Amino acid sequence: MSDDLRPEYKRSDFGEIIRGKYARRISKATNVVVLDPEVAKAFPNDKAVNDTLRSLLDLAKMSSRLRSTGRAKRQRASDLGR
């Protein structure tokens, strides 16, 4: 095992090494998402992913508005006895 420490330092000066000590904290503080390989192939870069997700969100909002508008029309029709 290679030891790159300067001679004036001793490994014991640095305390116990705990692997992944901050991993949980970092994962909660970040929004990095790892795509499955087959999904990643469809997107050349982060802009393409973001543009696609924005389009999907817009589509979901439109769909939601259309459904609620359709329900409102059906409710008014039933209130009128149709």
C-alpha atoms as a PDB file:
ATOM      1  CA  MET A   1       0.000   0.000   0.000  1.00  0.00           C
ATOM      2  CA  SER A   2       1.423   3.382  -0.992  1.00  0.00           C
ATOM      3  CA  ASP A   3       1.726   6.011   1.751  1.00  0.00           C
ATOM      4  CA  ASP A   4       1.753   9.532   0.345  1.00  0.00           C
ATOM      5  CA  LEU A   5       1.753  11.287   3.727  1.00  0.00           C
ATOM      6  CA  ARG A   6       4.602  13.601   4.525  1.00  0.00           C
ATOM      7  CA  PRO A   7       7.025  12.165   7.061  1.00  0.00           C
ATOM      8  CA  GLU A   8       5.924  14.637   9.757  1.00  0.00           C
ATOM      9  CA  TYR A   9       2.347  13.263   9.676  1.00  0.00           C
ATOM     10  CA  LYS A  10       1.179   9.994  11.111  1.00  0.00           C
ATOM     11  CA  ARG A  11      -2.021   8.255  10.030  1.00  0.00           C
ATOM     12  CA  SER A  12      -3.042   8.010  13.684  1.00  0.00           C
ATOM     13  CA  ASP A  13      -3.117  11.847  13.856  1.00  0.00           C
ATOM     14  CA  PHE A  14      -6.259  11.887  11.714  1.00  0.00           C
ATOM     15  CA  GLY A  15      -8.589   9.704  13.766  1.00  0.00           C
ATOM     16  CA  GLU A  16     -10.835   6.924  12.600  1.00  0.00           C
ATOM     17  CA  ILE A  17     -11.870   6.840   8.956  1.00  0.00           C
ATOM     18  CA  ILE A  18     -15.582   6.258   8.496  1.00  0.00           C
ATOM     19  CA  ARG A  19     -16.581   5.316   4.974  1.00  0.00           C
ATOM     20  CA  GLY A  20     -19.659   7.189   3.731  1.00  0.00           C
ATOM     21  CA  LYS A  21     -19.868   9.328   6.864  1.00  0.00           C
ATOM     22  CA  TYR A  22     -21.571  12.194   5.011  1.00  0.00           C
ATOM     23  CA  ALA A  23     -23.334  10.197   2.289  1.00  0.00           C
ATOM     24  CA  ARG A  24     -26.823  10.467   3.794  1.00  0.00           C
ATOM     25  CA  ARG A  25     -26.503  14.218   4.364  1.00  0.00           C
ATOM     26  CA  ILE A  26     -25.237  14.781   0.828  1.00  0.00           C
ATOM     27  CA  SER A  27     -27.990  12.665  -0.736  1.00  0.00           C
ATOM     28  CA  LYS A  28     -30.640  14.730   1.079  1.00  0.00           C
ATOM     29  CA  ALA A  29     -29.060  18.015  -0.007  1.00  0.00           C
ATOM     30  CA  THR A  30     -28.710  17.215  -3.693  1.00  0.00           C
ATOM     31  CA  ASN A  31     -31.103  16.691  -6.561  1.00  0.00           C
ATOM     32  CA  VAL A  32     -28.820  14.576  -8.726  1.00  0.00           C
ATOM     33  CA  VAL A  33     -30.714  11.832 -10.492  1.00  0.00           C
ATOM     34  CA  VAL A  34     -29.077   8.830 -12.123  1.00  0.00           C
ATOM     35  CA  LEU A  35     -30.861   7.660 -15.233  1.00  0.00           C
ATOM     36  CA  ASP A  36     -31.057   4.028 -16.229  1.00  0.00           C
ATOM     37  CA  PRO A  37     -28.740   3.366 -19.182  1.00  0.00           C
ATOM     38  CA  GLU A  38     -31.569   2.771 -21.669  1.00  0.00           C
ATOM     39  CA  VAL A  39     -33.243   6.052 -20.642  1.00  0.00           C
ATOM     40  CA  ALA A  40     -29.949   7.970 -20.792  1.00  0.00           C
ATOM     41  CA  LYS A  41     -29.468   6.855 -24.412  1.00  0.00           C
ATOM     42  CA  ALA A  42     -32.556   8.873 -25.376  1.00  0.00           C
ATOM     43  CA  PHE A  43     -31.121  12.131 -24.024  1.00  0.00           C
ATOM     44  CA  PRO A  44     -27.858  13.602 -25.300  1.00  0.00           C
ATOM     45  CA  ASN A  45     -27.488  16.114 -22.432  1.00  0.00           C
ATOM     46  CA  ASP A  46     -29.106  17.688 -19.364  1.00  0.00           C
ATOM     47  CA  LYS A  47     -30.937  20.320 -21.449  1.00  0.00           C
ATOM     48  CA  ALA A  48     -32.750  17.588 -23.379  1.00  0.00           C
ATOM     49  CA  VAL A  49     -33.809  15.914 -20.136  1.00  0.00           C
ATOM     50  CA  ASN A  50     -35.037  19.181 -18.621  1.00  0.00           C
ATOM     51  CA  ASP A  51     -36.905  20.220 -21.790  1.00  0.00           C
ATOM     52  CA  THR A  52     -38.635  16.846 -21.956  1.00  0.00           C
ATOM     53  CA  LEU A  53     -39.610  16.929 -18.278  1.00  0.00           C
ATOM     54  CA  ARG A  54     -40.964  20.486 -18.633  1.00  0.00           C
ATOM     55  CA  SER A  55     -43.061  19.378 -21.616  1.00  0.00           C
ATOM     56  CA  LEU A  56     -44.366  16.445 -19.623  1.00  0.00           C
ATOM     57  CA  LEU A  57     -45.306  18.729 -16.718  1.00  0.00           C
ATOM     58  CA  ASP A  58     -47.114  21.108 -19.098  1.00  0.00           C
ATOM     59  CA  LEU A  59     -48.987  18.179 -20.633  1.00  0.00           C
ATOM     60  CA  ALA A  60     -50.006  16.907 -17.184  1.00  0.00           C
ATOM     61  CA  LYS A  61     -51.260  20.377 -16.202  1.00  0.00           C
ATOM     62  CA  MET A  62     -53.281  20.689 -19.428  1.00  0.00           C
ATOM     63  CA  SER A  63     -54.720  17.221 -18.961  1.00  0.00           C
ATOM     64  CA  SER A  64     -55.682  18.036 -15.390  1.00  0.00           C
ATOM     65  CA  ARG A  65     -57.401  21.263 -16.467  1.00  0.00           C
ATOM     66  CA  LEU A  66     -59.269  19.465 -19.256  1.00  0.00           C
ATOM     67  CA  ARG A  67     -60.520  16.805 -16.851  1.00  0.00           C
ATOM     68  CA  SER A  68     -61.667  19.363 -14.281  1.00  0.00           C
ATOM     69  CA  THR A  69     -63.364  21.434 -17.009  1.00  0.00           C
ATOM     70  CA  GLY A  70     -65.123  18.308 -18.290  1.00  0.00           C
ATOM     71  CA  ARG A  71     -66.321  17.497 -14.759  1.00  0.00           C
ATOM     72  CA  ALA A  72     -67.596  21.068 -14.307  1.00  0.00           C
ATOM     73  CA  LYS A  73     -69.552  20.875 -17.594  1.00  0.00           C
ATOM     74  CA  ARG A  74     -71.064  17.504 -16.626  1.00  0.00           C
ATOM     75  CA  GLN A  75     -72.003  18.867 -13.204  1.00  0.00           C
ATOM     76  CA  ARG A  76     -73.707  21.940 -14.716  1.00  0.00           C
ATOM     77  CA  ALA A  77     -75.556  19.742 -17.201  1.00  0.00           C
ATOM     78  CA  SER A  78     -76.800  17.483 -14.413  1.00  0.00           C
ATOM     79  CA  ASP A  79     -77.821  20.530 -12.365  1.00  0.00           C
ATOM     80  CA  LEU A  80     -79.927  21.678 -15.339  1.00  0.00           C
ATOM     81  CA  GLY A  81     -81.600  18.269 -15.542  1.00  0.00           C
ATOM     82  CA  ARG A  82     -79.934  17.113 -18.721  1.00  0.00           C
END
